[in-house]
Amino acid sequence: AGVERPDRLVGIYTSDYSSGRYGTSSYPDYLDFRQQADAFA
């Protein structure tokens, strides 16, 4: 609710499988994903 075109939003998860398949990420990894992946606006 309250977001623009919610069908185009995705979540990105990193995991070591020690706490589930869908874990959180670090800030440096976030920056690398953001700078190197052109699939995202």
Full PDB file with SEQRES, HELIX, SHEET, SSBOND, CRYST1, ORIGX, SCALE, CONECT and MASTER records, all heavy atoms in Angstrom:
SEQRES   1 A   41  ALA GLY VAL GLU ARG PRO ASP ARG LEU VAL GLY ILE TYR          
SEQRES   2 A   41  THR SER ASP TYR SER SER GLY ARG TYR GLY THR SER SER          
SEQRES   3 A   41  TYR PRO ASP TYR LEU ASP PHE ARG GLN GLN ALA ASP ALA          
SEQRES   4 A   41  PHE ALA                                                      
HELIX    1 AA1 PRO A    6  ARG A    8  5                                   3    
HELIX    2 AA2 TYR A   27  GLN A   36  1                                  10    
CRYST1    1.000    1.000    1.000  90.00  90.00  90.00 P 1           1          
ORIGX1      1.000000  0.000000  0.000000        0.00000                         
ORIGX2      0.000000  1.000000  0.000000        0.00000                         
ORIGX3      0.000000  0.000000  1.000000        0.00000                         
SCALE1      1.000000  0.000000  0.000000        0.00000                         
SCALE2      0.000000  1.000000  0.000000        0.00000                         
SCALE3      0.000000  0.000000  1.000000        0.00000                         
ATOM      1  N   ALA A   1       0.828  -1.203   0.000  1.00  0.00           N  
ATOM      2  CA  ALA A   1       0.000   0.000   0.000  1.00  0.00           C  
ATOM      3  C   ALA A   1       0.862   1.253   0.000  1.00  0.00           C  
ATOM      4  O   ALA A   1       1.919   1.312   0.629  1.00  0.00           O  
ATOM      5  CB  ALA A   1      -0.915   0.010   1.225  1.00  0.00           C  
ATOM      6  N   GLY A   2       0.396   2.252  -0.725  1.00  0.00           N  
ATOM      7  CA  GLY A   2       1.012   3.562  -0.678  1.00  0.00           C  
ATOM      8  C   GLY A   2       2.282   3.718  -1.480  1.00  0.00           C  
ATOM      9  O   GLY A   2       2.948   4.744  -1.371  1.00  0.00           O  
ATOM     10  N   VAL A   3       2.645   2.708  -2.284  1.00  0.00           N  
ATOM     11  CA  VAL A   3       3.854   2.813  -3.101  1.00  0.00           C  
ATOM     12  C   VAL A   3       3.472   2.813  -4.574  1.00  0.00           C  
ATOM     13  O   VAL A   3       2.395   2.350  -4.962  1.00  0.00           O  
ATOM     14  CB  VAL A   3       4.845   1.663  -2.809  1.00  0.00           C  
ATOM     15  CG1 VAL A   3       5.189   1.619  -1.337  1.00  0.00           C  
ATOM     16  CG2 VAL A   3       4.281   0.321  -3.261  1.00  0.00           C  
ATOM     17  N   GLU A   4       4.362   3.322  -5.392  1.00  0.00           N  
ATOM     18  CA  GLU A   4       4.113   3.437  -6.822  1.00  0.00           C  
ATOM     19  C   GLU A   4       4.439   2.123  -7.535  1.00  0.00           C  
ATOM     20  O   GLU A   4       5.505   1.547  -7.329  1.00  0.00           O  
ATOM     21  CB  GLU A   4       4.986   4.561  -7.381  1.00  0.00           C  
ATOM     22  CG  GLU A   4       4.821   4.837  -8.857  1.00  0.00           C  
ATOM     23  CD  GLU A   4       5.722   5.975  -9.308  1.00  0.00           C  
ATOM     24  OE1 GLU A   4       5.711   7.032  -8.650  1.00  0.00           O  
ATOM     25  OE2 GLU A   4       6.460   5.794 -10.290  1.00  0.00           O  
ATOM     26  N   ARG A   5       3.521   1.629  -8.332  1.00  0.00           N  
ATOM     27  CA  ARG A   5       3.712   0.403  -9.122  1.00  0.00           C  
ATOM     28  C   ARG A   5       4.368  -0.703  -8.294  1.00  0.00           C  
ATOM     29  O   ARG A   5       5.501  -1.126  -8.540  1.00  0.00           O  
ATOM     30  CB  ARG A   5       4.542   0.700 -10.368  1.00  0.00           C  
ATOM     31  CG  ARG A   5       3.893   1.700 -11.316  1.00  0.00           C  
ATOM     32  CD  ARG A   5       4.775   1.995 -12.504  1.00  0.00           C  
ATOM     33  NE  ARG A   5       4.998   0.798 -13.304  1.00  0.00           N  
ATOM     34  CZ  ARG A   5       5.906   0.709 -14.289  1.00  0.00           C  
ATOM     35  NH1 ARG A   5       6.677   1.754 -14.560  1.00  0.00           N  
ATOM     36  NH2 ARG A   5       6.046  -0.396 -14.971  1.00  0.00           N  
ATOM     37  N   PRO A   6       3.688  -1.202  -7.270  1.00  0.00           N  
ATOM     38  CA  PRO A   6       4.291  -2.175  -6.361  1.00  0.00           C  
ATOM     39  C   PRO A   6       4.708  -3.471  -7.042  1.00  0.00           C  
ATOM     40  O   PRO A   6       5.564  -4.192  -6.519  1.00  0.00           O  
ATOM     41  CB  PRO A   6       3.179  -2.425  -5.328  1.00  0.00           C  
ATOM     42  CG  PRO A   6       1.912  -2.013  -6.023  1.00  0.00           C  
ATOM     43  CD  PRO A   6       2.297  -0.883  -6.919  1.00  0.00           C  
ATOM     44  N   ASP A   7       4.135  -3.773  -8.208  1.00  0.00           N  
ATOM     45  CA  ASP A   7       4.496  -5.006  -8.902  1.00  0.00           C  
ATOM     46  C   ASP A   7       5.918  -4.976  -9.434  1.00  0.00           C  
ATOM     47  O   ASP A   7       6.474  -6.020  -9.804  1.00  0.00           O  
ATOM     48  CB  ASP A   7       3.526  -5.265 -10.062  1.00  0.00           C  
ATOM     49  CG  ASP A   7       3.516  -4.125 -11.079  1.00  0.00           C  
ATOM     50  OD1 ASP A   7       3.251  -2.982 -10.674  1.00  0.00           O  
ATOM     51  OD2 ASP A   7       3.780  -4.377 -12.266  1.00  0.00           O  
ATOM     52  N   ARG A   8       6.559  -3.797  -9.475  1.00  0.00           N  
ATOM     53  CA  ARG A   8       7.932  -3.687  -9.969  1.00  0.00           C  
ATOM     54  C   ARG A   8       8.956  -3.658  -8.843  1.00  0.00           C  
ATOM     55  O   ARG A   8      10.157  -3.544  -9.083  1.00  0.00           O  
ATOM     56  CB  ARG A   8       8.091  -2.419 -10.829  1.00  0.00           C  
ATOM     57  CG  ARG A   8       7.166  -2.338 -12.022  1.00  0.00           C  
ATOM     58  CD  ARG A   8       7.383  -3.510 -12.958  1.00  0.00           C  
ATOM     59  NE  ARG A   8       8.685  -3.448 -13.627  1.00  0.00           N  
ATOM     60  CZ  ARG A   8       9.194  -4.451 -14.336  1.00  0.00           C  
ATOM     61  NH1 ARG A   8       8.543  -5.596 -14.428  1.00  0.00           N  
ATOM     62  NH2 ARG A   8      10.365  -4.304 -14.928  1.00  0.00           N  
ATOM     63  N   LEU A   9       8.506  -3.771  -7.614  1.00  0.00           N  
ATOM     64  CA  LEU A   9       9.416  -3.769  -6.475  1.00  0.00           C  
ATOM     65  C   LEU A   9       9.864  -5.195  -6.148  1.00  0.00           C  
ATOM     66  O   LEU A   9       9.062  -6.132  -6.180  1.00  0.00           O  
ATOM     67  CB  LEU A   9       8.743  -3.161  -5.249  1.00  0.00           C  
ATOM     68  CG  LEU A   9       8.498  -1.649  -5.269  1.00  0.00           C  
ATOM     69  CD1 LEU A   9       7.788  -1.228  -3.985  1.00  0.00           C  
ATOM     70  CD2 LEU A   9       9.801  -0.881  -5.428  1.00  0.00           C  
ATOM     71  N   VAL A  10      11.139  -5.329  -5.824  1.00  0.00           N  
ATOM     72  CA  VAL A  10      11.698  -6.632  -5.452  1.00  0.00           C  
ATOM     73  C   VAL A  10      12.547  -6.470  -4.198  1.00  0.00           C  
ATOM     74  O   VAL A  10      13.003  -5.375  -3.861  1.00  0.00           O  
ATOM     75  CB  VAL A  10      12.559  -7.235  -6.586  1.00  0.00           C  
ATOM     76  CG1 VAL A  10      11.716  -7.532  -7.808  1.00  0.00           C  
ATOM     77  CG2 VAL A  10      13.724  -6.318  -6.936  1.00  0.00           C  
ATOM     78  N   GLY A  11      12.755  -7.580  -3.511  1.00  0.00           N  
ATOM     79  CA  GLY A  11      13.672  -7.619  -2.387  1.00  0.00           C  
ATOM     80  C   GLY A  11      14.889  -8.448  -2.755  1.00  0.00           C  
ATOM     81  O   GLY A  11      14.783  -9.417  -3.512  1.00  0.00           O  
ATOM     82  N   ILE A  12      16.052  -8.056  -2.255  1.00  0.00           N  
ATOM     83  CA  ILE A  12      17.295  -8.792  -2.497  1.00  0.00           C  
ATOM     84  C   ILE A  12      17.804  -9.315  -1.168  1.00  0.00           C  
ATOM     85  O   ILE A  12      17.942  -8.562  -0.200  1.00  0.00           O  
ATOM     86  CB  ILE A  12      18.356  -7.889  -3.159  1.00  0.00           C  
ATOM     87  CG1 ILE A  12      17.836  -7.380  -4.510  1.00  0.00           C  
ATOM     88  CG2 ILE A  12      19.673  -8.645  -3.341  1.00  0.00           C  
ATOM     89  CD1 ILE A  12      18.783  -6.411  -5.193  1.00  0.00           C  
ATOM     90  N   TYR A  13      18.097 -10.605  -1.124  1.00  0.00           N  
ATOM     91  CA  TYR A  13      18.482 -11.252   0.122  1.00  0.00           C  
ATOM     92  C   TYR A  13      19.796 -12.011  -0.048  1.00  0.00           C  
ATOM     93  O   TYR A  13      20.032 -12.651  -1.077  1.00  0.00           O  
ATOM     94  CB  TYR A  13      17.391 -12.228   0.582  1.00  0.00           C  
ATOM     95  CG  TYR A  13      16.066 -11.550   0.852  1.00  0.00           C  
ATOM     96  CD1 TYR A  13      15.129 -11.380  -0.159  1.00  0.00           C  
ATOM     97  CD2 TYR A  13      15.768 -11.063   2.119  1.00  0.00           C  
ATOM     98  CE1 TYR A  13      13.918 -10.747   0.077  1.00  0.00           C  
ATOM     99  CE2 TYR A  13      14.562 -10.428   2.365  1.00  0.00           C  
ATOM    100  CZ  TYR A  13      13.639 -10.275   1.352  1.00  0.00           C  
ATOM    101  OH  TYR A  13      12.448  -9.642   1.590  1.00  0.00           O  
ATOM    102  N   THR A  14      20.638 -11.949   0.967  1.00  0.00           N  
ATOM    103  CA  THR A  14      21.886 -12.694   1.021  1.00  0.00           C  
ATOM    104  C   THR A  14      21.827 -13.625   2.222  1.00  0.00           C  
ATOM    105  O   THR A  14      21.338 -13.244   3.283  1.00  0.00           O  
ATOM    106  CB  THR A  14      23.094 -11.749   1.172  1.00  0.00           C  
ATOM    107  OG1 THR A  14      23.098 -10.817   0.097  1.00  0.00           O  
ATOM    108  CG2 THR A  14      24.402 -12.525   1.161  1.00  0.00           C  
ATOM    109  N   SER A  15      22.335 -14.833   2.081  1.00  0.00           N  
ATOM    110  CA  SER A  15      22.254 -15.777   3.189  1.00  0.00           C  
ATOM    111  C   SER A  15      23.463 -16.694   3.239  1.00  0.00           C  
ATOM    112  O   SER A  15      24.067 -17.014   2.219  1.00  0.00           O  
ATOM    113  CB  SER A  15      20.979 -16.619   3.074  1.00  0.00           C  
ATOM    114  OG  SER A  15      20.913 -17.542   4.144  1.00  0.00           O  
ATOM    115  N   ASP A  16      23.793 -17.093   4.458  1.00  0.00           N  
ATOM    116  CA  ASP A  16      24.791 -18.145   4.630  1.00  0.00           C  
ATOM    117  C   ASP A  16      24.112 -19.443   5.089  1.00  0.00           C  
ATOM    118  O   ASP A  16      24.779 -20.388   5.501  1.00  0.00           O  
ATOM    119  CB  ASP A  16      25.862 -17.726   5.640  1.00  0.00           C  
ATOM    120  CG  ASP A  16      25.279 -17.426   7.015  1.00  0.00           C  
ATOM    121  OD1 ASP A  16      24.071 -17.635   7.203  1.00  0.00           O  
ATOM    122  OD2 ASP A  16      26.038 -16.994   7.899  1.00  0.00           O  
ATOM    123  N   TYR A  17      22.761 -19.447   5.027  1.00  0.00           N  
ATOM    124  CA  TYR A  17      21.931 -20.585   5.417  1.00  0.00           C  
ATOM    125  C   TYR A  17      21.968 -20.872   6.915  1.00  0.00           C  
ATOM    126  O   TYR A  17      21.351 -21.827   7.385  1.00  0.00           O  
ATOM    127  CB  TYR A  17      22.347 -21.863   4.668  1.00  0.00           C  
ATOM    128  CG  TYR A  17      21.885 -21.917   3.240  1.00  0.00           C  
ATOM    129  CD1 TYR A  17      22.761 -22.263   2.235  1.00  0.00           C  
ATOM    130  CD2 TYR A  17      20.574 -21.624   2.895  1.00  0.00           C  
ATOM    131  CE1 TYR A  17      22.361 -22.322   0.913  1.00  0.00           C  
ATOM    132  CE2 TYR A  17      20.156 -21.676   1.579  1.00  0.00           C  
ATOM    133  CZ  TYR A  17      21.046 -22.033   0.598  1.00  0.00           C  
ATOM    134  OH  TYR A  17      20.658 -22.082  -0.708  1.00  0.00           O  
ATOM    135  N   SER A  18      22.681 -20.067   7.699  1.00  0.00           N  
ATOM    136  CA  SER A  18      22.698 -20.316   9.139  1.00  0.00           C  
ATOM    137  C   SER A  18      21.445 -19.753   9.812  1.00  0.00           C  
ATOM    138  O   SER A  18      21.102 -20.152  10.917  1.00  0.00           O  
ATOM    139  CB  SER A  18      23.950 -19.697   9.764  1.00  0.00           C  
ATOM    140  OG  SER A  18      23.943 -18.288   9.613  1.00  0.00           O  
ATOM    141  N   SER A  19      20.786 -18.798   9.149  1.00  0.00           N  
ATOM    142  CA  SER A  19      19.585 -18.205   9.738  1.00  0.00           C  
ATOM    143  C   SER A  19      18.477 -18.080   8.703  1.00  0.00           C  
ATOM    144  O   SER A  19      17.742 -17.110   8.667  1.00  0.00           O  
ATOM    145  CB  SER A  19      19.922 -16.821  10.306  1.00  0.00           C  
ATOM    146  OG  SER A  19      20.453 -15.980   9.298  1.00  0.00           O  
ATOM    147  N   GLY A  20      18.380 -19.057   7.837  1.00  0.00           N  
ATOM    148  CA  GLY A  20      17.335 -19.040   6.821  1.00  0.00           C  
ATOM    149  C   GLY A  20      17.869 -18.683   5.455  1.00  0.00           C  
ATOM    150  O   GLY A  20      18.977 -18.168   5.298  1.00  0.00           O  
ATOM    151  N   ARG A  21      17.071 -18.953   4.450  1.00  0.00           N  
ATOM    152  CA  ARG A  21      17.475 -18.733   3.060  1.00  0.00           C  
ATOM    153  C   ARG A  21      17.519 -17.253   2.708  1.00  0.00           C  
ATOM    154  O   ARG A  21      18.278 -16.833   1.841  1.00  0.00           O  
ATOM    155  CB  ARG A  21      16.488 -19.475   2.140  1.00  0.00           C  
ATOM    156  CG  ARG A  21      16.795 -19.352   0.654  1.00  0.00           C  
ATOM    157  CD  ARG A  21      18.096 -20.043   0.303  1.00  0.00           C  
ATOM    158  NE  ARG A  21      18.354 -20.071  -1.125  1.00  0.00           N  
ATOM    159  CZ  ARG A  21      18.866 -19.035  -1.814  1.00  0.00           C  
ATOM    160  NH1 ARG A  21      19.151 -17.927  -1.180  1.00  0.00           N  
ATOM    161  NH2 ARG A  21      19.086 -19.156  -3.105  1.00  0.00           N  
ATOM    162  N   TYR A  22      16.690 -16.455   3.394  1.00  0.00           N  
ATOM    163  CA  TYR A  22      16.559 -15.050   3.019  1.00  0.00           C  
ATOM    164  C   TYR A  22      17.122 -14.174   4.134  1.00  0.00           C  
ATOM    165  O   TYR A  22      16.403 -13.746   5.029  1.00  0.00           O  
ATOM    166  CB  TYR A  22      15.098 -14.720   2.734  1.00  0.00           C  
ATOM    167  CG  TYR A  22      14.516 -15.588   1.640  1.00  0.00           C  
ATOM    168  CD1 TYR A  22      13.757 -16.721   1.945  1.00  0.00           C  
ATOM    169  CD2 TYR A  22      14.754 -15.294   0.302  1.00  0.00           C  
ATOM    170  CE1 TYR A  22      13.242 -17.518   0.930  1.00  0.00           C  
ATOM    171  CE2 TYR A  22      14.240 -16.083  -0.708  1.00  0.00           C  
ATOM    172  CZ  TYR A  22      13.488 -17.204  -0.381  1.00  0.00           C  
ATOM    173  OH  TYR A  22      12.990 -17.991  -1.380  1.00  0.00           O  
ATOM    174  N   GLY A  23      18.418 -13.892   4.056  1.00  0.00           N  
ATOM    175  CA  GLY A  23      19.083 -13.108   5.078  1.00  0.00           C  
ATOM    176  C   GLY A  23      19.343 -11.685   4.631  1.00  0.00           C  
ATOM    177  O   GLY A  23      19.049 -11.296   3.505  1.00  0.00           O  
ATOM    178  N   THR A  24      19.920 -10.919   5.528  1.00  0.00           N  
ATOM    179  CA  THR A  24      20.197  -9.512   5.258  1.00  0.00           C  
ATOM    180  C   THR A  24      21.579  -9.341   4.624  1.00  0.00           C  
ATOM    181  O   THR A  24      22.355 -10.283   4.523  1.00  0.00           O  
ATOM    182  CB  THR A  24      20.103  -8.707   6.556  1.00  0.00           C  
ATOM    183  OG1 THR A  24      20.887  -9.352   7.570  1.00  0.00           O  
ATOM    184  CG2 THR A  24      18.663  -8.626   7.026  1.00  0.00           C  
ATOM    185  N   SER A  25      21.872  -8.112   4.229  1.00  0.00           N  
ATOM    186  CA  SER A  25      23.104  -7.807   3.505  1.00  0.00           C  
ATOM    187  C   SER A  25      23.882  -6.712   4.219  1.00  0.00           C  
ATOM    188  O   SER A  25      23.381  -6.066   5.137  1.00  0.00           O  
ATOM    189  CB  SER A  25      22.781  -7.363   2.073  1.00  0.00           C  
ATOM    190  OG  SER A  25      22.007  -8.335   1.391  1.00  0.00           O  
ATOM    191  N   SER A  26      25.121  -6.493   3.780  1.00  0.00           N  
ATOM    192  CA  SER A  26      25.952  -5.433   4.337  1.00  0.00           C  
ATOM    193  C   SER A  26      25.840  -4.183   3.469  1.00  0.00           C  
ATOM    194  O   SER A  26      25.430  -4.250   2.301  1.00  0.00           O  
ATOM    195  CB  SER A  26      27.411  -5.881   4.424  1.00  0.00           C  
ATOM    196  OG  SER A  26      27.975  -5.980   3.129  1.00  0.00           O  
ATOM    197  N   TYR A  27      26.241  -3.043   4.031  1.00  0.00           N  
ATOM    198  CA  TYR A  27      26.183  -1.801   3.268  1.00  0.00           C  
ATOM    199  C   TYR A  27      27.131  -1.818   2.064  1.00  0.00           C  
ATOM    200  O   TYR A  27      26.731  -1.409   0.965  1.00  0.00           O  
ATOM    201  CB  TYR A  27      26.486  -0.612   4.183  1.00  0.00           C  
ATOM    202  CG  TYR A  27      26.293   0.723   3.508  1.00  0.00           C  
ATOM    203  CD1 TYR A  27      25.016   1.224   3.285  1.00  0.00           C  
ATOM    204  CD2 TYR A  27      27.380   1.481   3.100  1.00  0.00           C  
ATOM    205  CE1 TYR A  27      24.824   2.452   2.664  1.00  0.00           C  
ATOM    206  CE2 TYR A  27      27.198   2.711   2.471  1.00  0.00           C  
ATOM    207  CZ  TYR A  27      25.924   3.193   2.259  1.00  0.00           C  
ATOM    208  OH  TYR A  27      25.742   4.396   1.642  1.00  0.00           O  
ATOM    209  N   PRO A  28      28.384  -2.288   2.204  1.00  0.00           N  
ATOM    210  CA  PRO A  28      29.247  -2.352   1.018  1.00  0.00           C  
ATOM    211  C   PRO A  28      28.686  -3.262  -0.080  1.00  0.00           C  
ATOM    212  O   PRO A  28      28.799  -2.944  -1.266  1.00  0.00           O  
ATOM    213  CB  PRO A  28      30.566  -2.898   1.570  1.00  0.00           C  
ATOM    214  CG  PRO A  28      30.580  -2.437   2.991  1.00  0.00           C  
ATOM    215  CD  PRO A  28      29.154  -2.580   3.430  1.00  0.00           C  
ATOM    216  N   ASP A  29      28.071  -4.375   0.302  1.00  0.00           N  
ATOM    217  CA  ASP A  29      27.457  -5.238  -0.710  1.00  0.00           C  
ATOM    218  C   ASP A  29      26.301  -4.522  -1.393  1.00  0.00           C  
ATOM    219  O   ASP A  29      26.107  -4.631  -2.614  1.00  0.00           O  
ATOM    220  CB  ASP A  29      26.951  -6.535  -0.073  1.00  0.00           C  
ATOM    221  CG  ASP A  29      28.082  -7.495   0.265  1.00  0.00           C  
ATOM    222  OD1 ASP A  29      29.226  -7.241  -0.163  1.00  0.00           O  
ATOM    223  OD2 ASP A  29      27.832  -8.490   0.969  1.00  0.00           O  
ATOM    224  N   TYR A  30      25.506  -3.786  -0.609  1.00  0.00           N  
ATOM    225  CA  TYR A  30      24.408  -3.000  -1.184  1.00  0.00           C  
ATOM    226  C   TYR A  30      24.933  -2.031  -2.230  1.00  0.00           C  
ATOM    227  O   TYR A  30      24.368  -1.899  -3.330  1.00  0.00           O  
ATOM    228  CB  TYR A  30      23.657  -2.266  -0.076  1.00  0.00           C  
ATOM    229  CG  TYR A  30      22.966  -1.007  -0.536  1.00  0.00           C  
ATOM    230  CD1 TYR A  30      21.833  -1.067  -1.347  1.00  0.00           C  
ATOM    231  CD2 TYR A  30      23.468   0.257  -0.194  1.00  0.00           C  
ATOM    232  CE1 TYR A  30      21.207   0.097  -1.786  1.00  0.00           C  
ATOM    233  CE2 TYR A  30      22.845   1.415  -0.621  1.00  0.00           C  
ATOM    234  CZ  TYR A  30      21.714   1.334  -1.420  1.00  0.00           C  
ATOM    235  OH  TYR A  30      21.117   2.480  -1.862  1.00  0.00           O  
ATOM    236  N   LEU A  31      26.032  -1.332  -1.911  1.00  0.00           N  
ATOM    237  CA  LEU A  31      26.604  -0.382  -2.857  1.00  0.00           C  
ATOM    238  C   LEU A  31      27.056  -1.080  -4.136  1.00  0.00           C  
ATOM    239  O   LEU A  31      26.839  -0.574  -5.243  1.00  0.00           O  
ATOM    240  CB  LEU A  31      27.780   0.359  -2.221  1.00  0.00           C  
ATOM    241  CG  LEU A  31      27.447   1.349  -1.102  1.00  0.00           C  
ATOM    242  CD1 LEU A  31      28.729   1.993  -0.580  1.00  0.00           C  
ATOM    243  CD2 LEU A  31      26.472   2.413  -1.576  1.00  0.00           C  
ATOM    244  N   ASP A  32      27.670  -2.248  -3.993  1.00  0.00           N  
ATOM    245  CA  ASP A  32      28.117  -2.987  -5.183  1.00  0.00           C  
ATOM    246  C   ASP A  32      26.929  -3.436  -6.027  1.00  0.00           C  
ATOM    247  O   ASP A  32      26.957  -3.337  -7.259  1.00  0.00           O  
ATOM    248  CB  ASP A  32      28.963  -4.189  -4.769  1.00  0.00           C  
ATOM    249  CG  ASP A  32      30.370  -3.795  -4.345  1.00  0.00           C  
ATOM    250  OD1 ASP A  32      30.961  -2.918  -4.996  1.00  0.00           O  
ATOM    251  OD2 ASP A  32      30.875  -4.354  -3.361  1.00  0.00           O  
ATOM    252  N   PHE A  33      25.896  -3.941  -5.383  1.00  0.00           N  
ATOM    253  CA  PHE A  33      24.695  -4.334  -6.129  1.00  0.00           C  
ATOM    254  C   PHE A  33      24.116  -3.132  -6.873  1.00  0.00           C  
ATOM    255  O   PHE A  33      23.749  -3.227  -8.050  1.00  0.00           O  
ATOM    256  CB  PHE A  33      23.630  -4.901  -5.180  1.00  0.00           C  
ATOM    257  CG  PHE A  33      23.977  -6.229  -4.566  1.00  0.00           C  
ATOM    258  CD1 PHE A  33      23.478  -6.596  -3.328  1.00  0.00           C  
ATOM    259  CD2 PHE A  33      24.806  -7.123  -5.225  1.00  0.00           C  
ATOM    260  CE1 PHE A  33      23.781  -7.810  -2.766  1.00  0.00           C  
ATOM    261  CE2 PHE A  33      25.120  -8.357  -4.671  1.00  0.00           C  
ATOM    262  CZ  PHE A  33      24.601  -8.694  -3.421  1.00  0.00           C  
ATOM    263  N   ARG A  34      24.046  -2.004  -6.182  1.00  0.00           N  
ATOM    264  CA  ARG A  34      23.436  -0.819  -6.766  1.00  0.00           C  
ATOM    265  C   ARG A  34      24.245  -0.283  -7.944  1.00  0.00           C  
ATOM    266  O   ARG A  34      23.691   0.154  -8.953  1.00  0.00           O  
ATOM    267  CB  ARG A  34      23.296   0.268  -5.689  1.00  0.00           C  
ATOM    268  CG  ARG A  34      22.510   1.485  -6.160  1.00  0.00           C  
ATOM    269  CD  ARG A  34      22.479   2.566  -5.102  1.00  0.00           C  
ATOM    270  NE  ARG A  34      21.693   3.711  -5.553  1.00  0.00           N  
ATOM    271  CZ  ARG A  34      21.870   4.947  -5.137  1.00  0.00           C  
ATOM    272  NH1 ARG A  34      22.815   5.208  -4.234  1.00  0.00           N  
ATOM    273  NH2 ARG A  34      21.122   5.924  -5.603  1.00  0.00           N  
ATOM    274  N   GLN A  35      25.567  -0.315  -7.828  1.00  0.00           N  
ATOM    275  CA  GLN A  35      26.424   0.266  -8.855  1.00  0.00           C  
ATOM    276  C   GLN A  35      26.621  -0.654 -10.058  1.00  0.00           C  
ATOM    277  O   GLN A  35      26.843  -0.178 -11.172  1.00  0.00           O  
ATOM    278  CB  GLN A  35      27.775   0.625  -8.239  1.00  0.00           C  
ATOM    279  CG  GLN A  35      27.702   1.746  -7.219  1.00  0.00           C  
ATOM    280  CD  GLN A  35      28.956   1.854  -6.370  1.00  0.00           C  
ATOM    281  OE1 GLN A  35      29.917   1.096  -6.548  1.00  0.00           O  
ATOM    282  NE2 GLN A  35      28.959   2.794  -5.424  1.00  0.00           N  
ATOM    283  N   GLN A  36      26.542  -1.965  -9.847  1.00  0.00           N  
ATOM    284  CA  GLN A  36      26.901  -2.898 -10.913  1.00  0.00           C  
ATOM    285  C   GLN A  36      25.713  -3.532 -11.622  1.00  0.00           C  
ATOM    286  O   GLN A  36      25.871  -4.045 -12.740  1.00  0.00           O  
ATOM    287  CB  GLN A  36      27.791  -4.014 -10.346  1.00  0.00           C  
ATOM    288  CG  GLN A  36      29.098  -3.502  -9.761  1.00  0.00           C  
ATOM    289  CD  GLN A  36      29.954  -4.622  -9.195  1.00  0.00           C  
ATOM    290  OE1 GLN A  36      30.009  -5.729  -9.739  1.00  0.00           O  
ATOM    291  NE2 GLN A  36      30.625  -4.354  -8.078  1.00  0.00           N  
ATOM    292  N   ALA A  37      24.536  -3.532 -11.013  1.00  0.00           N  
ATOM    293  CA  ALA A  37      23.366  -4.182 -11.624  1.00  0.00           C  
ATOM    294  C   ALA A  37      22.509  -3.137 -12.324  1.00  0.00           C  
ATOM    295  O   ALA A  37      21.946  -2.255 -11.677  1.00  0.00           O  
ATOM    296  CB  ALA A  37      22.551  -4.909 -10.558  1.00  0.00           C  
ATOM    297  N   ASP A  38      22.412  -3.230 -13.652  1.00  0.00           N  
ATOM    298  CA  ASP A  38      21.598  -2.256 -14.391  1.00  0.00           C  
ATOM    299  C   ASP A  38      20.185  -2.759 -14.655  1.00  0.00           C  
ATOM    300  O   ASP A  38      19.423  -2.124 -15.378  1.00  0.00           O  
ATOM    301  CB  ASP A  38      22.277  -1.878 -15.704  1.00  0.00           C  
ATOM    302  CG  ASP A  38      22.485  -3.071 -16.637  1.00  0.00           C  
ATOM    303  OD1 ASP A  38      21.965  -4.174 -16.341  1.00  0.00           O  
ATOM    304  OD2 ASP A  38      23.166  -2.907 -17.666  1.00  0.00           O  
ATOM    305  N   ALA A  39      19.827  -3.889 -14.052  1.00  0.00           N  
ATOM    306  CA  ALA A  39      18.457  -4.387 -14.188  1.00  0.00           C  
ATOM    307  C   ALA A  39      17.480  -3.565 -13.355  1.00  0.00           C  
ATOM    308  O   ALA A  39      16.267  -3.658 -13.544  1.00  0.00           O  
ATOM    309  CB  ALA A  39      18.380  -5.859 -13.760  1.00  0.00           C  
ATOM    310  N   PHE A  40      18.020  -2.760 -12.444  1.00  0.00           N  
ATOM    311  CA  PHE A  40      17.185  -1.994 -11.528  1.00  0.00           C  
ATOM    312  C   PHE A  40      17.217  -0.509 -11.877  1.00  0.00           C  
ATOM    313  O   PHE A  40      18.260   0.040 -12.231  1.00  0.00           O  
ATOM    314  CB  PHE A  40      17.662  -2.175 -10.089  1.00  0.00           C  
ATOM    315  CG  PHE A  40      17.771  -3.603  -9.658  1.00  0.00           C  
ATOM    316  CD1 PHE A  40      18.986  -4.271  -9.746  1.00  0.00           C  
ATOM    317  CD2 PHE A  40      16.670  -4.292  -9.179  1.00  0.00           C  
ATOM    318  CE1 PHE A  40      19.099  -5.590  -9.363  1.00  0.00           C  
ATOM    319  CE2 PHE A  40      16.766  -5.616  -8.796  1.00  0.00           C  
ATOM    320  CZ  PHE A  40      17.988  -6.263  -8.890  1.00  0.00           C  
ATOM    321  N   ALA A  41      16.084   0.136 -11.728  1.00  0.00           N  
ATOM    322  CA  ALA A  41      16.062   1.595 -11.822  1.00  0.00           C  
ATOM    323  C   ALA A  41      16.843   2.190 -10.661  1.00  0.00           C  
ATOM    324  O   ALA A  41      17.537   3.188 -10.819  1.00  0.00           O  
ATOM    325  CB  ALA A  41      14.620   2.098 -11.813  1.00  0.00           C  
TER     326      ALA A  41                                                      
MASTER        0    0    0    2    0    0    0    6  325    1    0    4          
END                                                                             
